[in-house]
C-alpha atoms as a PDB file:
ATOM      1  CA  UNK A   1       0.000   0.000   0.000  1.00  0.00           C
ATOM      2  CA  UNK A   2       2.787   2.397   0.888  1.00  0.00           C
ATOM      3  CA  UNK A   3       4.590   1.713  -2.405  1.00  0.00           C
ATOM      4  CA  UNK A   4       1.369   2.334  -4.327  1.00  0.00           C
ATOM      5  CA  UNK A   5       0.890   5.652  -2.523  1.00  0.00           C
ATOM      6  CA  UNK A   6       4.439   6.690  -3.326  1.00  0.00           C
ATOM      7  CA  UNK A   7       3.945   5.705  -6.966  1.00  0.00           C
ATOM      8  CA  UNK A   8       0.742   7.753  -7.147  1.00  0.00           C
ATOM      9  CA  UNK A   9       2.521  10.760  -5.644  1.00  0.00           C
ATOM     10  CA  UNK A  10       5.330  10.481  -8.190  1.00  0.00           C
ATOM     11  CA  UNK A  11       2.863  10.189 -11.047  1.00  0.00           C
ATOM     12  CA  UNK A  12       1.071  13.249  -9.737  1.00  0.00           C
ATOM     13  CA  UNK A  13       4.339  15.204  -9.617  1.00  0.00           C
ATOM     14  CA  UNK A  14       5.165  14.157 -13.188  1.00  0.00           C
ATOM     15  CA  UNK A  15       1.698  15.186 -14.363  1.00  0.00           C
ATOM     16  CA  UNK A  16       2.027  18.572 -12.676  1.00  0.00           C
ATOM     17  CA  UNK A  17       5.456  19.055 -14.242  1.00  0.00           C
ATOM     18  CA  UNK A  18       4.177  18.238 -17.754  1.00  0.00           C
ATOM     19  CA  UNK A  19       1.115  20.427 -17.263  1.00  0.00           C
ATOM     20  CA  UNK A  20       3.284  23.347 -16.217  1.00  0.00           C
ATOM     21  CA  UNK A  21       5.455  22.832 -19.304  1.00  0.00           C
ATOM     22  CA  UNK A  22       2.347  22.882 -21.496  1.00  0.00           C
ATOM     23  CA  UNK A  23       1.012  26.046 -19.826  1.00  0.00           C
ATOM     24  CA  UNK A  24       4.372  27.768 -20.161  1.00  0.00           C
ATOM     25  CA  UNK A  25       4.707  26.868 -23.837  1.00  0.00           C
ATOM     26  CA  UNK A  26       1.108  27.814 -24.658  1.00  0.00           C
ATOM     27  CA  UNK A  27       1.521  31.136 -22.849  1.00  0.00           C
ATOM     28  CA  UNK A  28       4.679  31.900 -24.820  1.00  0.00           C
ATOM     29  CA  UNK A  29       3.170  30.913 -28.169  1.00  0.00           C
ATOM     30  CA  UNK A  30       1.535  34.342 -28.897  1.00  0.00           C
ATOM     31  CA  UNK A  31       4.854  36.077 -28.326  1.00  0.00           C
ATOM     32  CA  UNK A  32       6.651  33.454 -30.443  1.00  0.00           C
ATOM     33  CA  UNK A  33       4.145  33.940 -33.268  1.00  0.00           C
ATOM     34  CA  UNK A  34       4.618  37.717 -33.038  1.00  0.00           C
ATOM     35  CA  UNK A  35       8.410  37.343 -33.209  1.00  0.00           C
ATOM     36  CA  UNK A  36       8.059  34.948 -36.143  1.00  0.00           C
ATOM     37  CA  UNK A  37       6.004  37.510 -38.032  1.00  0.00           C
ATOM     38  CA  UNK A  38       8.458  40.232 -37.068  1.00  0.00           C
ATOM     39  CA  UNK A  39      11.406  38.197 -38.366  1.00  0.00           C
ATOM     40  CA  UNK A  40       9.585  37.680 -41.648  1.00  0.00           C
ATOM     41  CA  UNK A  41       9.468  41.476 -42.057  1.00  0.00           C
ATOM     42  CA  UNK A  42      12.178  42.680 -44.432  1.00  0.00           C
ATOM     43  CA  UNK A  43      13.501  45.348 -42.052  1.00  0.00           C
ATOM     44  CA  UNK A  44      13.875  42.908 -39.148  1.00  0.00           C
ATOM     45  CA  UNK A  45      15.547  40.421 -41.466  1.00  0.00           C
ATOM     46  CA  UNK A  46      18.011  43.140 -42.359  1.00  0.00           C
ATOM     47  CA  UNK A  47      18.637  43.842 -38.657  1.00  0.00           C
ATOM     48  CA  UNK A  48      19.509  40.215 -37.997  1.00  0.00           C
ATOM     49  CA  UNK A  49      21.491  39.889 -41.199  1.00  0.00           C
ATOM     50  CA  UNK A  50      19.300  37.153 -42.676  1.00  0.00           C
ATOM     51  CA  UNK A  51      19.771  36.627 -46.400  1.00  0.00           C
ATOM     52  CA  UNK A  52      16.822  36.160 -48.729  1.00  0.00           C
ATOM     53  CA  UNK A  53      16.807  34.060 -51.863  1.00  0.00           C
ATOM     54  CA  UNK A  54      14.108  33.124 -54.308  1.00  0.00           C
ATOM     55  CA  UNK A  55      12.718  30.580 -51.857  1.00  0.00           C
ATOM     56  CA  UNK A  56      12.606  33.178 -49.031  1.00  0.00           C
ATOM     57  CA  UNK A  57      14.729  31.016 -46.772  1.00  0.00           C
ATOM     58  CA  UNK A  58      16.405  32.312 -43.610  1.00  0.00           C
ATOM     59  CA  UNK A  59      20.113  31.952 -42.993  1.00  0.00           C
ATOM     60  CA  UNK A  60      19.941  30.653 -39.436  1.00  0.00           C
ATOM     61  CA  UNK A  61      23.702  31.050 -39.032  1.00  0.00           C
ATOM     62  CA  UNK A  62      23.281  34.834 -38.954  1.00  0.00           C
ATOM     63  CA  UNK A  63      22.093  34.675 -35.342  1.00  0.00           C
ATOM     64  CA  UNK A  64      25.612  33.556 -34.363  1.00  0.00           C
ATOM     65  CA  UNK A  65      27.135  36.714 -35.871  1.00  0.00           C
ATOM     66  CA  UNK A  66      28.876  39.070 -33.455  1.00  0.00           C
ATOM     67  CA  UNK A  67      26.257  41.785 -33.970  1.00  0.00           C
ATOM     68  CA  UNK A  68      23.503  39.385 -32.870  1.00  0.00           C
ATOM     69  CA  UNK A  69      25.115  38.003 -29.708  1.00  0.00           C
ATOM     70  CA  UNK A  70      22.547  39.779 -27.537  1.00  0.00           C
ATOM     71  CA  UNK A  71      19.650  38.110 -29.357  1.00  0.00           C
ATOM     72  CA  UNK A  72      21.497  34.788 -29.196  1.00  0.00           C
ATOM     73  CA  UNK A  73      21.791  35.282 -25.429  1.00  0.00           C
ATOM     74  CA  UNK A  74      18.035  35.890 -25.146  1.00  0.00           C
ATOM     75  CA  UNK A  75      17.250  32.760 -27.177  1.00  0.00           C
ATOM     76  CA  UNK A  76      19.708  30.695 -25.109  1.00  0.00           C
ATOM     77  CA  UNK A  77      18.202  31.863 -21.815  1.00  0.00           C
ATOM     78  CA  UNK A  78      14.697  31.182 -23.129  1.00  0.00           C
ATOM     79  CA  UNK A  79      15.538  27.605 -24.150  1.00  0.00           C
ATOM     80  CA  UNK A  80      17.401  26.858 -20.916  1.00  0.00           C
ATOM     81  CA  UNK A  81      14.553  28.315 -18.841  1.00  0.00           C
ATOM     82  CA  UNK A  82      11.935  26.401 -20.792  1.00  0.00           C
ATOM     83  CA  UNK A  83      13.665  23.019 -20.799  1.00  0.00           C
ATOM     84  CA  UNK A  84      16.214  22.777 -17.980  1.00  0.00           C
ATOM     85  CA  UNK A  85      15.904  25.603 -15.475  1.00  0.00           C
ATOM     86  CA  UNK A  86      13.132  24.154 -13.321  1.00  0.00           C
ATOM     87  CA  UNK A  87      15.062  20.890 -12.971  1.00  0.00           C
ATOM     88  CA  UNK A  88      18.249  22.812 -12.104  1.00  0.00           C
ATOM     89  CA  UNK A  89      16.347  24.901  -9.568  1.00  0.00           C
ATOM     90  CA  UNK A  90      14.947  21.806  -7.841  1.00  0.00           C
ATOM     91  CA  UNK A  91      18.376  20.191  -7.676  1.00  0.00           C
ATOM     92  CA  UNK A  92      19.840  23.431  -6.312  1.00  0.00           C
ATOM     93  CA  UNK A  93      17.155  23.715  -3.642  1.00  0.00           C
ATOM     94  CA  UNK A  94      17.796  20.095  -2.621  1.00  0.00           C
ATOM     95  CA  UNK A  95      21.489  20.963  -2.296  1.00  0.00           C
ATOM     96  CA  UNK A  96      20.571  23.941  -0.115  1.00  0.00           C
ATOM     97  CA  UNK A  97      18.522  21.669   2.169  1.00  0.00           C
ATOM     98  CA  UNK A  98      21.414  19.209   2.386  1.00  0.00           C
ATOM     99  CA  UNK A  99      23.763  22.064   3.308  1.00  0.00           C
ATOM    100  CA  UNK A 100      22.009  22.404   6.672  1.00  0.00           C
ATOM    101  CA  UNK A 101      23.683  19.169   7.764  1.00  0.00           C
ATOM    102  CA  UNK A 102      26.191  18.297   5.033  1.00  0.00           C
ATOM    103  CA  UNK A 103      29.410  20.333   5.129  1.00  0.00           C
ATOM    104  CA  UNK A 104      30.391  19.352   1.583  1.00  0.00           C
ATOM    105  CA  UNK A 105      27.089  20.633   0.205  1.00  0.00           C
ATOM    106  CA  UNK A 106      27.649  23.925   2.004  1.00  0.00           C
ATOM    107  CA  UNK A 107      31.165  24.130   0.552  1.00  0.00           C
ATOM    108  CA  UNK A 108      29.841  23.462  -2.977  1.00  0.00           C
ATOM    109  CA  UNK A 109      27.325  26.289  -2.671  1.00  0.00           C
ATOM    110  CA  UNK A 110      30.025  28.601  -1.323  1.00  0.00           C
ATOM    111  CA  UNK A 111      32.320  27.751  -4.244  1.00  0.00           C
ATOM    112  CA  UNK A 112      29.468  28.491  -6.660  1.00  0.00           C
ATOM    113  CA  UNK A 113      29.082  31.975  -5.173  1.00  0.00           C
ATOM    114  CA  UNK A 114      32.856  32.481  -5.227  1.00  0.00           C
ATOM    115  CA  UNK A 115      33.084  31.446  -8.884  1.00  0.00           C
ATOM    116  CA  UNK A 116      30.197  33.761  -9.777  1.00  0.00           C
ATOM    117  CA  UNK A 117      31.902  36.566  -7.850  1.00  0.00           C
ATOM    118  CA  UNK A 118      35.195  36.306  -9.751  1.00  0.00           C
ATOM    119  CA  UNK A 119      33.411  35.728 -13.072  1.00  0.00           C
ATOM    120  CA  UNK A 120      31.784  39.182 -13.131  1.00  0.00           C
ATOM    121  CA  UNK A 121      34.591  41.360 -14.583  1.00  0.00           C
ATOM    122  CA  UNK A 122      36.092  38.765 -16.957  1.00  0.00           C
ATOM    123  CA  UNK A 123      33.669  39.275 -19.844  1.00  0.00           C
ATOM    124  CA  UNK A 124      33.981  43.093 -19.994  1.00  0.00           C
ATOM    125  CA  UNK A 125      37.780  42.896 -19.722  1.00  0.00           C
ATOM    126  CA  UNK A 126      38.024  40.415 -22.596  1.00  0.00           C
ATOM    127  CA  UNK A 127      35.506  42.203 -24.846  1.00  0.00           C
ATOM    128  CA  UNK A 128      36.407  45.862 -24.315  1.00  0.00           C
ATOM    129  CA  UNK A 129      38.870  46.329 -27.178  1.00  0.00           C
ATOM    130  CA  UNK A 130      36.831  44.366 -29.718  1.00  0.00           C
ATOM    131  CA  UNK A 131      33.636  46.197 -28.742  1.00  0.00           C
ATOM    132  CA  UNK A 132      35.126  49.650 -29.376  1.00  0.00           C
ATOM    133  CA  UNK A 133      36.838  48.508 -32.580  1.00  0.00           C
ATOM    134  CA  UNK A 134      33.466  47.313 -33.853  1.00  0.00           C
ATOM    135  CA  UNK A 135      31.561  50.345 -32.508  1.00  0.00           C
ATOM    136  CA  UNK A 136      33.954  53.167 -33.337  1.00  0.00           C
ATOM    137  CA  UNK A 137      31.233  55.806 -33.084  1.00  0.00           C
ATOM    138  CA  UNK A 138      30.121  54.727 -29.603  1.00  0.00           C
ATOM    139  CA  UNK A 139      30.374  57.557 -27.085  1.00  0.00           C
ATOM    140  CA  UNK A 140      28.870  57.147 -23.625  1.00  0.00           C
ATOM    141  CA  UNK A 141      28.494  60.936 -23.197  1.00  0.00           C
ATOM    142  CA  UNK A 142      26.284  61.141 -26.298  1.00  0.00           C
ATOM    143  CA  UNK A 143      23.945  58.338 -25.214  1.00  0.00           C
ATOM    144  CA  UNK A 144      21.680  59.594 -22.470  1.00  0.00           C
ATOM    145  CA  UNK A 145      19.774  56.306 -22.140  1.00  0.00           C
ATOM    146  CA  UNK A 146      22.962  54.274 -21.800  1.00  0.00           C
ATOM    147  CA  UNK A 147      24.413  56.741 -19.286  1.00  0.00           C
ATOM    148  CA  UNK A 148      21.272  56.627 -17.140  1.00  0.00           C
ATOM    149  CA  UNK A 149      21.113  52.829 -17.228  1.00  0.00           C
ATOM    150  CA  UNK A 150      24.818  52.593 -16.428  1.00  0.00           C
ATOM    151  CA  UNK A 151      24.473  54.799 -13.338  1.00  0.00           C
ATOM    152  CA  UNK A 152      21.780  52.605 -11.814  1.00  0.00           C
ATOM    153  CA  UNK A 153      23.556  49.499 -13.031  1.00  0.00           C
ATOM    154  CA  UNK A 154      26.755  50.389 -11.147  1.00  0.00           C
ATOM    155  CA  UNK A 155      24.801  50.901  -7.918  1.00  0.00           C
ATOM    156  CA  UNK A 156      22.950  47.594  -8.336  1.00  0.00           C
ATOM    157  CA  UNK A 157      26.154  45.845  -9.387  1.00  0.00           C
ATOM    158  CA  UNK A 158      28.164  46.856  -6.314  1.00  0.00           C
ATOM    159  CA  UNK A 159      25.334  45.798  -3.992  1.00  0.00           C
ATOM    160  CA  UNK A 160      25.007  42.463  -5.834  1.00  0.00           C
ATOM    161  CA  UNK A 161      28.764  41.845  -5.672  1.00  0.00           C
ATOM    162  CA  UNK A 162      28.835  42.533  -1.934  1.00  0.00           C
ATOM    163  CA  UNK A 163      25.939  40.128  -1.342  1.00  0.00           C
ATOM    164  CA  UNK A 164      27.537  37.390  -3.484  1.00  0.00           C
ATOM    165  CA  UNK A 165      30.932  37.795  -1.802  1.00  0.00           C
ATOM    166  CA  UNK A 166      29.300  37.780   1.644  1.00  0.00           C
ATOM    167  CA  UNK A 167      27.421  34.555   0.859  1.00  0.00           C
ATOM    168  CA  UNK A 168      30.598  32.933  -0.482  1.00  0.00           C
ATOM    169  CA  UNK A 169      32.678  33.974   2.543  1.00  0.00           C
ATOM    170  CA  UNK A 170      30.121  32.836   5.123  1.00  0.00           C
ATOM    171  CA  UNK A 171      29.490  29.452   3.502  1.00  0.00           C
ATOM    172  CA  UNK A 172      33.123  28.634   2.738  1.00  0.00           C
ATOM    173  CA  UNK A 173      34.483  29.710   6.142  1.00  0.00           C
ATOM    174  CA  UNK A 174      31.757  27.775   7.985  1.00  0.00           C
ATOM    175  CA  UNK A 175      32.450  24.663   5.901  1.00  0.00           C
ATOM    176  CA  UNK A 176      36.216  24.883   6.399  1.00  0.00           C
ATOM    177  CA  UNK A 177      35.832  25.565  10.113  1.00  0.00           C
ATOM    178  CA  UNK A 178      33.543  22.544  10.490  1.00  0.00           C
ATOM    179  CA  UNK A 179      36.217  20.352   8.887  1.00  0.00           C
ATOM    180  CA  UNK A 180      38.860  21.993  11.105  1.00  0.00           C
ATOM    181  CA  UNK A 181      40.779  23.062   8.000  1.00  0.00           C
ATOM    182  CA  UNK A 182      40.578  26.707   8.993  1.00  0.00           C
ATOM    183  CA  UNK A 183      42.097  27.538  12.359  1.00  0.00           C
ATOM    184  CA  UNK A 184      42.146  31.346  12.005  1.00  0.00           C
ATOM    185  CA  UNK A 185      39.188  33.720  11.803  1.00  0.00           C
ATOM    186  CA  UNK A 186      39.640  35.270   8.354  1.00  0.00           C
ATOM    187  CA  UNK A 187      36.023  36.402   8.020  1.00  0.00           C
ATOM    188  CA  UNK A 188      36.586  40.173   8.559  1.00  0.00           C
ATOM    189  CA  UNK A 189      39.636  40.245   6.277  1.00  0.00           C
ATOM    190  CA  UNK A 190      37.774  38.286   3.588  1.00  0.00           C
ATOM    191  CA  UNK A 191      34.789  40.657   3.795  1.00  0.00           C
ATOM    192  CA  UNK A 192      37.069  43.681   3.361  1.00  0.00           C
ATOM    193  CA  UNK A 193      38.817  41.940   0.447  1.00  0.00           C
ATOM    194  CA  UNK A 194      35.464  41.133  -1.171  1.00  0.00           C
ATOM    195  CA  UNK A 195      34.344  44.751  -0.829  1.00  0.00           C
ATOM    196  CA  UNK A 196      37.576  46.052  -2.395  1.00  0.00           C
ATOM    197  CA  UNK A 197      37.359  43.526  -5.245  1.00  0.00           C
ATOM    198  CA  UNK A 198      33.758  44.635  -5.833  1.00  0.00           C
ATOM    199  CA  UNK A 199      34.917  48.225  -6.287  1.00  0.00           C
ATOM    200  CA  UNK A 200      37.763  47.151  -8.591  1.00  0.00           C
ATOM    201  CA  UNK A 201      35.326  45.072 -10.668  1.00  0.00           C
ATOM    202  CA  UNK A 202      32.982  48.056 -10.899  1.00  0.00           C
ATOM    203  CA  UNK A 203      35.868  50.153 -12.262  1.00  0.00           C
ATOM    204  CA  UNK A 204      36.665  47.517 -14.909  1.00  0.00           C
ATOM    205  CA  UNK A 205      33.017  47.340 -15.946  1.00  0.00           C
ATOM    206  CA  UNK A 206      32.707  51.134 -16.166  1.00  0.00           C
ATOM    207  CA  UNK A 207      35.875  51.264 -18.289  1.00  0.00           C
ATOM    208  CA  UNK A 208      34.243  48.834 -20.713  1.00  0.00           C
ATOM    209  CA  UNK A 209      32.029  51.696 -21.924  1.00  0.00           C
ATOM    210  CA  UNK A 210      34.940  54.142 -22.278  1.00  0.00           C
ATOM    211  CA  UNK A 211      36.924  54.091 -25.505  1.00  0.00           C
ATOM    212  CA  UNK A 212      40.501  52.835 -24.900  1.00  0.00           C
ATOM    213  CA  UNK A 213      43.224  55.340 -25.737  1.00  0.00           C
ATOM    214  CA  UNK A 214      45.799  52.718 -26.683  1.00  0.00           C
ATOM    215  CA  UNK A 215      46.085  49.020 -27.408  1.00  0.00           C
ATOM    216  CA  UNK A 216      46.224  46.589 -24.479  1.00  0.00           C
ATOM    217  CA  UNK A 217      49.675  45.376 -23.470  1.00  0.00           C
ATOM    218  CA  UNK A 218      48.457  41.787 -23.744  1.00  0.00           C
ATOM    219  CA  UNK A 219      47.936  41.157 -27.470  1.00  0.00           C
ATOM    220  CA  UNK A 220      45.451  38.374 -26.804  1.00  0.00           C
ATOM    221  CA  UNK A 221      42.876  40.998 -25.763  1.00  0.00           C
ATOM    222  CA  UNK A 222      42.896  42.374 -29.323  1.00  0.00           C
ATOM    223  CA  UNK A 223      42.141  38.999 -30.928  1.00  0.00           C
ATOM    224  CA  UNK A 224      38.705  37.618 -31.908  1.00  0.00           C
ATOM    225  CA  UNK A 225      39.321  34.710 -29.526  1.00  0.00           C
ATOM    226  CA  UNK A 226      39.346  37.137 -26.587  1.00  0.00           C
ATOM    227  CA  UNK A 227      35.931  38.474 -27.584  1.00  0.00           C
ATOM    228  CA  UNK A 228      34.564  34.960 -28.024  1.00  0.00           C
ATOM    229  CA  UNK A 229      35.872  33.985 -24.595  1.00  0.00           C
ATOM    230  CA  UNK A 230      34.369  37.181 -23.178  1.00  0.00           C
ATOM    231  CA  UNK A 231      30.986  36.325 -24.691  1.00  0.00           C
ATOM    232  CA  UNK A 232      31.253  32.849 -23.163  1.00  0.00           C
ATOM    233  CA  UNK A 233      31.915  34.382 -19.736  1.00  0.00           C
ATOM    234  CA  UNK A 234      28.953  36.738 -20.131  1.00  0.00           C
ATOM    235  CA  UNK A 235      26.638  33.922 -21.205  1.00  0.00           C
ATOM    236  CA  UNK A 236      27.788  31.789 -18.260  1.00  0.00           C
ATOM    237  CA  UNK A 237      27.296  34.743 -15.921  1.00  0.00           C
ATOM    238  CA  UNK A 238      23.720  35.273 -17.117  1.00  0.00           C
ATOM    239  CA  UNK A 239      22.879  31.562 -16.764  1.00  0.00           C
ATOM    240  CA  UNK A 240      24.291  31.459 -13.210  1.00  0.00           C
ATOM    241  CA  UNK A 241      22.329  34.571 -12.209  1.00  0.00           C
ATOM    242  CA  UNK A 242      19.205  33.021 -13.716  1.00  0.00           C
ATOM    243  CA  UNK A 243      19.790  29.896 -11.606  1.00  0.00           C
ATOM    244  CA  UNK A 244      19.910  32.070  -8.471  1.00  0.00           C
ATOM    245  CA  UNK A 245      16.785  33.973  -9.517  1.00  0.00           C
ATOM    246  CA  UNK A 246      14.884  30.766 -10.315  1.00  0.00           C
ATOM    247  CA  UNK A 247      15.927  29.220  -6.991  1.00  0.00           C
ATOM    248  CA  UNK A 248      14.632  32.301  -5.195  1.00  0.00           C
ATOM    249  CA  UNK A 249      11.285  32.280  -7.000  1.00  0.00           C
ATOM    250  CA  UNK A 250      10.938  28.499  -6.504  1.00  0.00           C
ATOM    251  CA  UNK A 251      11.502  28.711  -2.752  1.00  0.00           C
ATOM    252  CA  UNK A 252       8.539  28.249  -0.414  1.00  0.00           C
ATOM    253  CA  UNK A 253       9.131  31.569   1.346  1.00  0.00           C
ATOM    254  CA  UNK A 254       9.021  33.588  -1.904  1.00  0.00           C
ATOM    255  CA  UNK A 255       5.938  31.756  -3.116  1.00  0.00           C
ATOM    256  CA  UNK A 256       4.160  32.240   0.213  1.00  0.00           C
ATOM    257  CA  UNK A 257       5.035  35.953   0.174  1.00  0.00           C
ATOM    258  CA  UNK A 258       3.806  36.326  -3.407  1.00  0.00           C
ATOM    259  CA  UNK A 259       0.533  34.487  -2.790  1.00  0.00           C
ATOM    260  CA  UNK A 260      -0.187  36.431   0.401  1.00  0.00           C
ATOM    261  CA  UNK A 261       0.005  39.824  -1.327  1.00  0.00           C
ATOM    262  CA  UNK A 262      -3.346  41.666  -1.781  1.00  0.00           C
ATOM    263  CA  UNK A 263      -3.623  41.187  -5.545  1.00  0.00           C
ATOM    264  CA  UNK A 264      -7.148  39.838  -5.465  1.00  0.00           C
ATOM    265  CA  UNK A 265      -8.650  36.444  -4.789  1.00  0.00           C
ATOM    266  CA  UNK A 266      -6.052  33.675  -5.295  1.00  0.00           C
ATOM    267  CA  UNK A 267      -6.326  32.354  -8.828  1.00  0.00           C
ATOM    268  CA  UNK A 268      -8.423  35.282 -10.073  1.00  0.00           C
ATOM    269  CA  UNK A 269      -7.593  37.317 -13.176  1.00  0.00           C
ATOM    270  CA  UNK A 270      -6.393  40.295 -11.121  1.00  0.00           C
ATOM    271  CA  UNK A 271      -4.221  38.014  -8.979  1.00  0.00           C
ATOM    272  CA  UNK A 272      -2.535  36.383 -11.988  1.00  0.00           C
ATOM    273  CA  UNK A 273      -2.189  39.704 -13.831  1.00  0.00           C
ATOM    274  CA  UNK A 274      -0.705  41.363 -10.751  1.00  0.00           C
ATOM    275  CA  UNK A 275       1.838  38.574 -10.320  1.00  0.00           C
ATOM    276  CA  UNK A 276       2.659  38.724 -14.033  1.00  0.00           C
ATOM    277  CA  UNK A 277       3.432  42.449 -13.869  1.00  0.00           C
ATOM    278  CA  UNK A 278       5.362  42.323 -10.583  1.00  0.00           C
ATOM    279  CA  UNK A 279       7.485  39.320 -11.501  1.00  0.00           C
ATOM    280  CA  UNK A 280       7.966  40.645 -15.035  1.00  0.00           C
ATOM    281  CA  UNK A 281       9.418  43.903 -13.750  1.00  0.00           C
ATOM    282  CA  UNK A 282      11.626  42.088 -11.215  1.00  0.00           C
ATOM    283  CA  UNK A 283      12.814  39.606 -13.870  1.00  0.00           C
ATOM    284  CA  UNK A 284      13.847  42.400 -16.228  1.00  0.00           C
ATOM    285  CA  UNK A 285      15.630  44.226 -13.401  1.00  0.00           C
ATOM    286  CA  UNK A 286      17.610  41.065 -12.660  1.00  0.00           C
ATOM    287  CA  UNK A 287      18.241  40.338 -16.336  1.00  0.00           C
ATOM    288  CA  UNK A 288      19.165  43.872 -17.433  1.00  0.00           C
ATOM    289  CA  UNK A 289      22.532  44.273 -15.609  1.00  0.00           C
ATOM    290  CA  UNK A 290      24.054  41.269 -17.350  1.00  0.00           C
ATOM    291  CA  UNK A 291      22.375  42.180 -20.669  1.00  0.00           C
ATOM    292  CA  UNK A 292      23.433  45.842 -20.742  1.00  0.00           C
ATOM    293  CA  UNK A 293      26.747  45.080 -22.485  1.00  0.00           C
ATOM    294  CA  UNK A 294      24.825  43.976 -25.582  1.00  0.00           C
ATOM    295  CA  UNK A 295      21.975  46.428 -25.117  1.00  0.00           C
ATOM    296  CA  UNK A 296      24.119  49.555 -25.502  1.00  0.00           C
ATOM    297  CA  UNK A 297      25.264  48.599 -29.006  1.00  0.00           C
ATOM    298  CA  UNK A 298      21.886  47.717 -30.477  1.00  0.00           C
ATOM    299  CA  UNK A 299      20.130  50.184 -32.755  1.00  0.00           C
ATOM    300  CA  UNK A 300      16.703  48.542 -32.588  1.00  0.00           C
ATOM    301  CA  UNK A 301      15.574  48.743 -28.980  1.00  0.00           C
ATOM    302  CA  UNK A 302      11.932  47.745 -29.523  1.00  0.00           C
ATOM    303  CA  UNK A 303      12.796  44.362 -31.034  1.00  0.00           C
ATOM    304  CA  UNK A 304      15.516  43.838 -28.395  1.00  0.00           C
ATOM    305  CA  UNK A 305      13.094  44.477 -25.531  1.00  0.00           C
ATOM    306  CA  UNK A 306      10.767  41.865 -27.050  1.00  0.00           C
ATOM    307  CA  UNK A 307      13.508  39.232 -27.157  1.00  0.00           C
ATOM    308  CA  UNK A 308      14.467  40.104 -23.558  1.00  0.00           C
ATOM    309  CA  UNK A 309      10.838  39.615 -22.532  1.00  0.00           C
ATOM    310  CA  UNK A 310      10.784  36.290 -24.370  1.00  0.00           C
ATOM    311  CA  UNK A 311      13.916  35.167 -22.488  1.00  0.00           C
ATOM    312  CA  UNK A 312      12.187  35.726 -19.149  1.00  0.00           C
ATOM    313  CA  UNK A 313       8.716  34.533 -20.185  1.00  0.00           C
ATOM    314  CA  UNK A 314       9.003  30.901 -18.887  1.00  0.00           C
ATOM    315  CA  UNK A 315       9.910  32.109 -15.399  1.00  0.00           C
ATOM    316  CA  UNK A 316       7.236  34.836 -15.397  1.00  0.00           C
ATOM    317  CA  UNK A 317       4.534  32.375 -16.446  1.00  0.00           C
ATOM    318  CA  UNK A 318       5.596  29.780 -13.852  1.00  0.00           C
ATOM    319  CA  UNK A 319       5.398  32.308 -11.031  1.00  0.00           C
ATOM    320  CA  UNK A 320       2.223  33.974 -12.304  1.00  0.00           C
ATOM    321  CA  UNK A 321       0.362  30.641 -12.253  1.00  0.00           C
ATOM    322  CA  UNK A 322       2.015  29.404  -9.045  1.00  0.00           C
ATOM    323  CA  UNK A 323      -0.164  27.860  -6.331  1.00  0.00           C
ATOM    324  CA  UNK A 324       0.325  27.209  -2.660  1.00  0.00           C
ATOM    325  CA  UNK A 325       1.306  23.581  -3.316  1.00  0.00           C
END
């Protein structure tokens, strides 16, 4: 009897998982159809660099061009969120629960935060020269929108870096102390070091938007391989931040807080619409700081904002239709 009950519970979980996938996909279909029609427009095809022949076929390889890396990032995040992110979030939350008693799990989470912390400035450092060589007319002083976004981005970035470094320091020092591998209290020194590294990283990121006056001393930074490696670091950074954001929204405390807000009767149209708007704004605020490096060089903001919304749509739909169970 007990085995049958467990089997029924597992089947129920699988059914709920598949139903959520279907709801997410069906909710994203109108936006996908709109983007498909937009891509078929000749001007949008020209933006993406798609070539047209007599059969009106699209050159799918154009999305991998350097000028379309931002759109490629949005598509990548959308596919990962739609297919893998919920599974990754559940595994991550299980690891967090294990970390309450398992020292190794706590150390793994701390190393994840540490890796994410040191990953932040790598992409801008590797891409800076190539970006300004490709965008010779880019001037931060002449772009009011970019300057405004960058100001708020730097504030958000420093706060985020401090939080990530604090989480890494606390988890790693506690894990090492529990294993008696750390005999000295290095917490205060590590916190000061994390704060200083956060400021240094902020300087490197701000310099990304300033045109370099001379070539880098390291010739590798002027090569296409450096830009490709920088894009890889930026993509990895966005995916890791999305994992954190999905873990937060999948936690019981966040879901209980969201459901308890006065947005109308649970499950009503106003409740779902209110969640959709709130989570949508929060998702874009989380997504924008890592996306700003590609956003500042695009000339077609309306289409770019649509692809950014598409990237976050699976998460927004999951939270908007979330229940207490």
